[in-house]
Structure formats: C-alpha cells, structure tokens
C-alpha cells in the first residue's frame, strides 16, 4: 500500500484521494490502459 500511495502522491504530492478527473487522467497517462 505504501508503494501505491507513494506513486499516487507523486502526481499531486498529497495523501488525499484524487478526484475522478485526476483518476481518469492517470489512467489515460498509464500505458496499456485500454
């Protein structure tokens, strides 16, 4: 879990859960999303 959190915090440097817009952006940026 720490690794996932660190990866997510890298995007906005915060532990708060990202909104749906950030989630979609991260999925689209991630390779092999589709």
PDB file of N, CA and C in Angstrom:
ATOM      1  N   UNK A   1       0.858  -1.213   0.000  1.00  0.00           N
ATOM      2  CA  UNK A   1       0.000   0.000   0.000  1.00  0.00           C
ATOM      3  C   UNK A   1       0.887   1.255   0.000  1.00  0.00           C
ATOM      4  N   UNK A   2       1.964   1.186   0.707  1.00  0.00           N
ATOM      5  CA  UNK A   2       2.861   2.377   0.772  1.00  0.00           C
ATOM      6  C   UNK A   2       3.331   2.713  -0.649  1.00  0.00           C
ATOM      7  N   UNK A   3       3.633   1.690  -1.416  1.00  0.00           N
ATOM      8  CA  UNK A   3       4.141   1.942  -2.792  1.00  0.00           C
ATOM      9  C   UNK A   3       3.030   2.607  -3.616  1.00  0.00           C
ATOM     10  N   UNK A   4       1.851   2.088  -3.539  1.00  0.00           N
ATOM     11  CA  UNK A   4       0.727   2.681  -4.326  1.00  0.00           C
ATOM     12  C   UNK A   4       0.521   4.144  -3.878  1.00  0.00           C
ATOM     13  N   UNK A   5       0.549   4.346  -2.574  1.00  0.00           N
ATOM     14  CA  UNK A   5       0.327   5.726  -2.081  1.00  0.00           C
ATOM     15  C   UNK A   5       1.447   6.634  -2.593  1.00  0.00           C
ATOM     16  N   UNK A   6       2.665   6.152  -2.516  1.00  0.00           N
ATOM     17  CA  UNK A   6       3.810   6.984  -2.950  1.00  0.00           C
ATOM     18  C   UNK A   6       3.624   7.336  -4.433  1.00  0.00           C
ATOM     19  N   UNK A   7       3.176   6.389  -5.204  1.00  0.00           N
ATOM     20  CA  UNK A   7       3.001   6.631  -6.664  1.00  0.00           C
ATOM     21  C   UNK A   7       1.888   7.674  -6.850  1.00  0.00           C
ATOM     22  N   UNK A   8       0.840   7.505  -6.115  1.00  0.00           N
ATOM     23  CA  UNK A   8      -0.292   8.459  -6.265  1.00  0.00           C
ATOM     24  C   UNK A   8       0.133   9.849  -5.746  1.00  0.00           C
ATOM     25  N   UNK A   9       0.853   9.880  -4.656  1.00  0.00           N
ATOM     26  CA  UNK A   9       1.251  11.184  -4.095  1.00  0.00           C
ATOM     27  C   UNK A   9       2.220  11.871  -5.076  1.00  0.00           C
ATOM     28  N   UNK A  10       2.965  11.069  -5.822  1.00  0.00           N
ATOM     29  CA  UNK A  10       3.925  11.683  -6.767  1.00  0.00           C
ATOM     30  C   UNK A  10       3.172  12.605  -7.750  1.00  0.00           C
ATOM     31  N   UNK A  11       1.973  12.247  -8.056  1.00  0.00           N
ATOM     32  CA  UNK A  11       1.198  13.057  -9.039  1.00  0.00           C
ATOM     33  C   UNK A  11       0.859  14.446  -8.447  1.00  0.00           C
ATOM     34  N   UNK A  12       0.387  14.446  -7.212  1.00  0.00           N
ATOM     35  CA  UNK A  12      -0.023  15.753  -6.631  1.00  0.00           C
ATOM     36  C   UNK A  12       0.643  15.983  -5.276  1.00  0.00           C
ATOM     37  N   UNK A  13       1.520  15.062  -4.883  1.00  0.00           N
ATOM     38  CA  UNK A  13       2.224  15.251  -3.581  1.00  0.00           C
ATOM     39  C   UNK A  13       1.205  15.414  -2.465  1.00  0.00           C
ATOM     40  N   UNK A  14       0.200  14.575  -2.399  1.00  0.00           N
ATOM     41  CA  UNK A  14      -0.777  14.689  -1.269  1.00  0.00           C
ATOM     42  C   UNK A  14      -1.400  13.309  -1.040  1.00  0.00           C
ATOM     43  N   UNK A  15      -1.795  13.035   0.200  1.00  0.00           N
ATOM     44  CA  UNK A  15      -2.366  11.699   0.520  1.00  0.00           C
ATOM     45  C   UNK A  15      -3.878  11.680   0.276  1.00  0.00           C
ATOM     46  N   UNK A  16      -4.438  12.831  -0.007  1.00  0.00           N
ATOM     47  CA  UNK A  16      -5.908  12.852  -0.221  1.00  0.00           C
ATOM     48  C   UNK A  16      -6.265  12.075  -1.491  1.00  0.00           C
ATOM     49  N   UNK A  17      -7.370  11.382  -1.450  1.00  0.00           N
ATOM     50  CA  UNK A  17      -7.770  10.592  -2.645  1.00  0.00           C
ATOM     51  C   UNK A  17      -8.050  11.551  -3.807  1.00  0.00           C
ATOM     52  N   UNK A  18      -7.463  11.299  -4.963  1.00  0.00           N
ATOM     53  CA  UNK A  18      -7.667  12.189  -6.116  1.00  0.00           C
ATOM     54  C   UNK A  18      -9.091  12.102  -6.652  1.00  0.00           C
ATOM     55  N   UNK A  19      -9.565  13.195  -7.209  1.00  0.00           N
ATOM     56  CA  UNK A  19     -10.953  13.198  -7.739  1.00  0.00           C
ATOM     57  C   UNK A  19     -11.064  12.337  -8.989  1.00  0.00           C
ATOM     58  N   UNK A  20     -12.245  12.193  -9.514  1.00  0.00           N
ATOM     59  CA  UNK A  20     -12.463  11.357 -10.714  1.00  0.00           C
ATOM     60  C   UNK A  20     -11.667  11.894 -11.909  1.00  0.00           C
ATOM     61  N   UNK A  21     -11.518  13.185 -11.981  1.00  0.00           N
ATOM     62  CA  UNK A  21     -10.771  13.779 -13.128  1.00  0.00           C
ATOM     63  C   UNK A  21      -9.316  13.338 -13.049  1.00  0.00           C
ATOM     64  N   UNK A  22      -8.726  13.421 -11.869  1.00  0.00           N
ATOM     65  CA  UNK A  22      -7.292  13.014 -11.753  1.00  0.00           C
ATOM     66  C   UNK A  22      -7.156  11.520 -12.047  1.00  0.00           C
ATOM     67  N   UNK A  23      -8.135  10.757 -11.577  1.00  0.00           N
ATOM     68  CA  UNK A  23      -8.059   9.285 -11.796  1.00  0.00           C
ATOM     69  C   UNK A  23      -8.077   8.995 -13.294  1.00  0.00           C
ATOM     70  N   UNK A  24      -8.988   9.624 -13.988  1.00  0.00           N
ATOM     71  CA  UNK A  24      -9.085   9.389 -15.454  1.00  0.00           C
ATOM     72  C   UNK A  24      -7.784   9.828 -16.123  1.00  0.00           C
ATOM     73  N   UNK A  25      -7.270  10.956 -15.695  1.00  0.00           N
ATOM     74  CA  UNK A  25      -6.014  11.467 -16.301  1.00  0.00           C
ATOM     75  C   UNK A  25      -4.887  10.451 -16.070  1.00  0.00           C
ATOM     76  N   UNK A  26      -4.807   9.945 -14.856  1.00  0.00           N
ATOM     77  CA  UNK A  26      -3.734   8.968 -14.537  1.00  0.00           C
ATOM     78  C   UNK A  26      -3.928   7.705 -15.391  1.00  0.00           C
ATOM     79  N   UNK A  27      -5.158   7.257 -15.511  1.00  0.00           N
ATOM     80  CA  UNK A  27      -5.416   6.021 -16.309  1.00  0.00           C
ATOM     81  C   UNK A  27      -5.025   6.277 -17.769  1.00  0.00           C
ATOM     82  N   UNK A  28      -5.392   7.422 -18.277  1.00  0.00           N
ATOM     83  CA  UNK A  28      -5.089   7.737 -19.695  1.00  0.00           C
ATOM     84  C   UNK A  28      -3.563   7.858 -19.876  1.00  0.00           C
ATOM     85  N   UNK A  29      -2.916   8.400 -18.872  1.00  0.00           N
ATOM     86  CA  UNK A  29      -1.426   8.590 -18.973  1.00  0.00           C
ATOM     87  C   UNK A  29      -0.757   7.230 -18.848  1.00  0.00           C
ATOM     88  N   UNK A  30      -1.346   6.340 -18.101  1.00  0.00           N
ATOM     89  CA  UNK A  30      -0.699   4.990 -17.863  1.00  0.00           C
ATOM     90  C   UNK A  30      -0.691   4.183 -19.156  1.00  0.00           C
ATOM     91  N   UNK A  31       0.380   3.549 -19.509  1.00  0.00           N
ATOM     92  CA  UNK A  31       0.425   2.759 -20.761  1.00  0.00           C
ATOM     93  C   UNK A  31      -0.401   1.475 -20.645  1.00  0.00           C
ATOM     94  N   UNK A  32      -0.946   1.014 -21.749  1.00  0.00           N
ATOM     95  CA  UNK A  32      -1.752  -0.235 -21.697  1.00  0.00           C
ATOM     96  C   UNK A  32      -3.021  -0.033 -20.914  1.00  0.00           C
ATOM     97  N   UNK A  33      -3.501   1.179 -20.856  1.00  0.00           N
ATOM     98  CA  UNK A  33      -4.762   1.413 -20.092  1.00  0.00           C
ATOM     99  C   UNK A  33      -5.915   0.697 -20.801  1.00  0.00           C
ATOM    100  N   UNK A  34      -5.939   0.758 -22.154  1.00  0.00           N
ATOM    101  CA  UNK A  34      -7.062   0.128 -22.901  1.00  0.00           C
ATOM    102  C   UNK A  34      -6.690  -1.265 -23.301  1.00  0.00           C
TER     103      UNK A  34
END
